[in-house]
Amino acid sequence: MKHQNERAVALILATLFLAGSASDVQSQQSNSTAKNNFELTVHVTEIKHQDGKVLIGVYNKSDGFPKELEKALLTAKTAPGKPTHTFRGLSHGNYAVVVIHDRNNNGKLDRNLLGMPKEPVGLSNYSVIGISNPPTFKTASFTLSSIESINIKLNQF
């Protein structure tokens, strides 16, 4: 009888432990989903030409920013006539955005011999980009903590 009671107690404890683990997993999944429910809408302004595509890159770290679009966390292409894109499923954190008006559709920012952009480009938190104001992730970054919308002005060079 004593062994049956010990087995029953062990079975009850195991069931409670498994039920608690399952609810912890569900709680973690809910928290994970809640963390990834932010949106960032990027509106591009000062588009002077209607040729090519507008490339938008969202970075969550400095690696590759702003020159290597392939290292961006998320990217999008839009038509110059519809220069707005919404990125969904983002979590709370620091982000920086680069926008390139890829006028010749080659998928990259063309530069002159001095390394200056030959195509219009814009960055979050920058109204003017130039030799005296080179872009950095630290300056371009902002904290996303809700559903947000930003305007990025394209700079002509």
Protein backbone atom coordinates (compact mmCIF):
# COMPACT_ATOMS: atom_id res chain seq x y z
CA MET A 1 0.00 0.00 0.00
CA LYS A 2 2.84 2.34 0.90
CA HIS A 3 4.44 1.77 -2.54
CA GLN A 4 1.14 2.52 -4.27
CA ASN A 5 0.84 5.82 -2.39
CA GLU A 6 4.43 6.77 -3.28
CA ARG A 7 3.76 5.91 -6.94
CA ALA A 8 0.55 7.98 -6.91
CA VAL A 9 2.37 10.95 -5.37
CA ALA A 10 5.19 10.61 -7.92
CA LEU A 11 2.67 10.44 -10.76
CA ILE A 12 0.83 13.53 -9.49
CA LEU A 13 4.11 15.46 -9.11
CA ALA A 14 5.23 14.44 -12.62
CA THR A 15 1.88 15.55 -14.05
CA LEU A 16 2.08 18.90 -12.26
CA PHE A 17 5.67 19.38 -13.41
CA LEU A 18 4.78 18.65 -17.04
CA ALA A 19 1.71 20.89 -16.88
CA GLY A 20 3.85 23.70 -15.45
CA SER A 21 6.46 23.23 -18.18
CA ALA A 22 3.79 23.36 -20.87
CA SER A 23 2.36 26.59 -19.47
CA ASP A 24 5.88 28.06 -19.29
CA VAL A 25 6.38 27.23 -22.98
CA GLN A 26 3.02 28.81 -23.86
CA SER A 27 3.94 31.86 -21.77
CA GLN A 28 7.30 32.16 -23.53
CA GLN A 29 5.62 31.84 -26.93
CA SER A 30 3.11 34.55 -25.98
CA ASN A 31 5.91 36.84 -24.79
CA SER A 32 7.87 36.15 -27.98
CA THR A 33 4.85 36.99 -30.11
CA ALA A 34 4.20 40.14 -28.09
CA LYS A 35 7.80 41.22 -28.58
CA ASN A 36 7.52 40.94 -32.36
CA ASN A 37 4.35 42.90 -32.94
CA PHE A 38 5.80 46.32 -33.76
CA GLU A 39 5.63 47.95 -37.18
CA LEU A 40 7.80 50.55 -38.83
CA THR A 41 6.44 52.51 -41.77
CA VAL A 42 9.03 54.32 -43.86
CA HIS A 43 7.87 57.27 -45.99
CA VAL A 44 10.45 58.48 -48.53
CA THR A 45 10.36 62.17 -49.45
CA GLU A 46 12.11 64.41 -51.98
CA ILE A 47 11.96 61.91 -54.87
CA LYS A 48 12.88 63.93 -57.96
CA HIS A 49 12.81 61.17 -60.60
CA GLN A 50 10.40 58.34 -61.38
CA ASP A 51 12.90 55.88 -62.89
CA GLY A 52 14.41 52.84 -61.16
CA LYS A 53 13.41 51.49 -57.74
CA VAL A 54 13.55 52.76 -54.17
CA LEU A 55 15.53 50.36 -51.95
CA ILE A 56 14.93 50.45 -48.21
CA GLY A 57 17.13 48.69 -45.65
CA VAL A 58 16.39 48.33 -41.93
CA TYR A 59 19.45 47.56 -39.80
CA ASN A 60 19.54 46.46 -36.17
CA LYS A 61 23.34 46.61 -35.85
CA SER A 62 26.19 48.65 -37.27
CA ASP A 63 27.67 45.81 -39.33
CA GLY A 64 27.31 46.81 -42.99
CA PHE A 65 25.46 50.06 -42.29
CA PRO A 66 24.84 51.94 -44.56
CA LYS A 67 26.88 50.64 -47.50
CA GLU A 68 26.00 46.93 -47.55
CA LEU A 69 22.28 46.53 -48.08
CA GLU A 70 22.65 42.74 -48.07
CA LYS A 71 23.58 42.93 -44.36
CA ALA A 72 20.36 44.73 -43.43
CA LEU A 73 17.91 42.91 -41.18
CA LEU A 74 15.07 43.62 -43.62
CA THR A 75 14.91 45.10 -47.10
CA ALA A 76 12.19 46.22 -49.48
CA LYS A 77 11.87 47.58 -53.00
CA THR A 78 9.19 50.06 -53.93
CA ALA A 79 8.35 52.11 -56.99
CA PRO A 80 9.33 55.80 -56.86
CA GLY A 81 5.65 56.69 -57.30
CA LYS A 82 4.73 54.75 -54.12
CA PRO A 83 7.64 55.47 -51.78
CA THR A 84 6.18 53.98 -48.60
CA HIS A 85 6.75 50.57 -47.07
CA THR A 86 5.68 49.03 -43.75
CA PHE A 87 7.94 46.50 -42.04
CA ARG A 88 5.97 44.21 -39.71
CA GLY A 89 6.94 41.77 -36.98
CA LEU A 90 9.72 43.88 -35.49
CA SER A 91 10.66 43.68 -31.83
CA HIS A 92 11.53 46.47 -29.43
CA GLY A 93 15.05 47.68 -30.13
CA ASN A 94 17.38 50.04 -31.93
CA TYR A 95 17.13 50.35 -35.70
CA ALA A 96 18.55 52.53 -38.46
CA VAL A 97 17.14 52.91 -41.96
CA VAL A 98 18.87 53.63 -45.27
CA VAL A 99 17.00 54.50 -48.46
CA ILE A 100 18.58 54.41 -51.92
CA HIS A 101 16.92 55.59 -55.11
CA ASP A 102 18.48 53.00 -57.41
CA ARG A 103 17.83 54.91 -60.61
CA ASN A 104 19.59 52.42 -62.90
CA ASN A 105 18.11 49.29 -61.23
CA ASN A 106 21.46 47.62 -60.53
CA GLY A 107 20.56 46.85 -56.89
CA LYS A 108 23.24 49.01 -55.27
CA LEU A 109 24.23 52.59 -54.54
CA ASP A 110 26.51 53.86 -57.30
CA ARG A 111 29.43 56.03 -56.17
CA ASN A 112 31.87 58.38 -57.88
CA LEU A 113 35.67 58.12 -57.72
CA LEU A 114 35.71 59.92 -54.37
CA GLY A 115 33.17 57.48 -52.89
CA MET A 116 30.33 60.00 -52.85
CA PRO A 117 26.90 58.69 -53.88
CA LYS A 118 25.90 59.23 -57.50
CA GLU A 119 22.28 58.33 -56.71
CA PRO A 120 19.92 59.89 -54.16
CA VAL A 121 20.24 58.43 -50.67
CA GLY A 122 18.65 59.09 -47.27
CA LEU A 123 19.06 57.87 -43.70
CA SER A 124 16.99 57.91 -40.54
CA ASN A 125 17.86 60.89 -38.31
CA TYR A 126 19.78 62.63 -41.11
CA SER A 127 18.44 65.60 -43.01
CA VAL A 128 21.76 66.24 -44.75
CA ILE A 129 24.51 63.77 -45.62
CA GLY A 130 27.96 64.85 -46.71
CA ILE A 131 31.69 64.74 -46.10
CA SER A 132 31.29 66.80 -42.94
CA ASN A 133 28.36 64.64 -41.78
CA PRO A 134 29.21 61.00 -42.60
CA PRO A 135 26.55 58.44 -41.67
CA THR A 136 26.97 56.23 -38.62
CA PHE A 137 24.66 53.63 -37.13
CA LYS A 138 24.80 55.40 -33.77
CA THR A 139 23.54 58.69 -35.18
CA ALA A 140 21.00 57.11 -37.55
CA SER A 141 19.56 54.69 -34.99
CA PHE A 142 16.34 55.17 -33.06
CA THR A 143 14.44 53.05 -30.56
CA LEU A 144 11.36 51.28 -31.87
CA SER A 145 8.95 50.69 -28.99
CA SER A 146 5.56 50.76 -30.71
CA ILE A 147 4.03 51.08 -34.14
CA GLU A 148 5.91 53.99 -35.67
CA SER A 149 6.19 55.96 -38.87
CA ILE A 150 9.27 57.88 -40.05
CA ASN A 151 10.01 60.19 -42.97
CA ILE A 152 13.32 59.92 -44.78
CA LYS A 153 14.42 62.67 -47.11
CA LEU A 154 16.47 61.67 -50.14
CA ASN A 155 19.63 63.73 -50.61
CA GLN A 156 20.69 64.54 -54.16
CA PHE A 157 24.42 64.64 -54.86
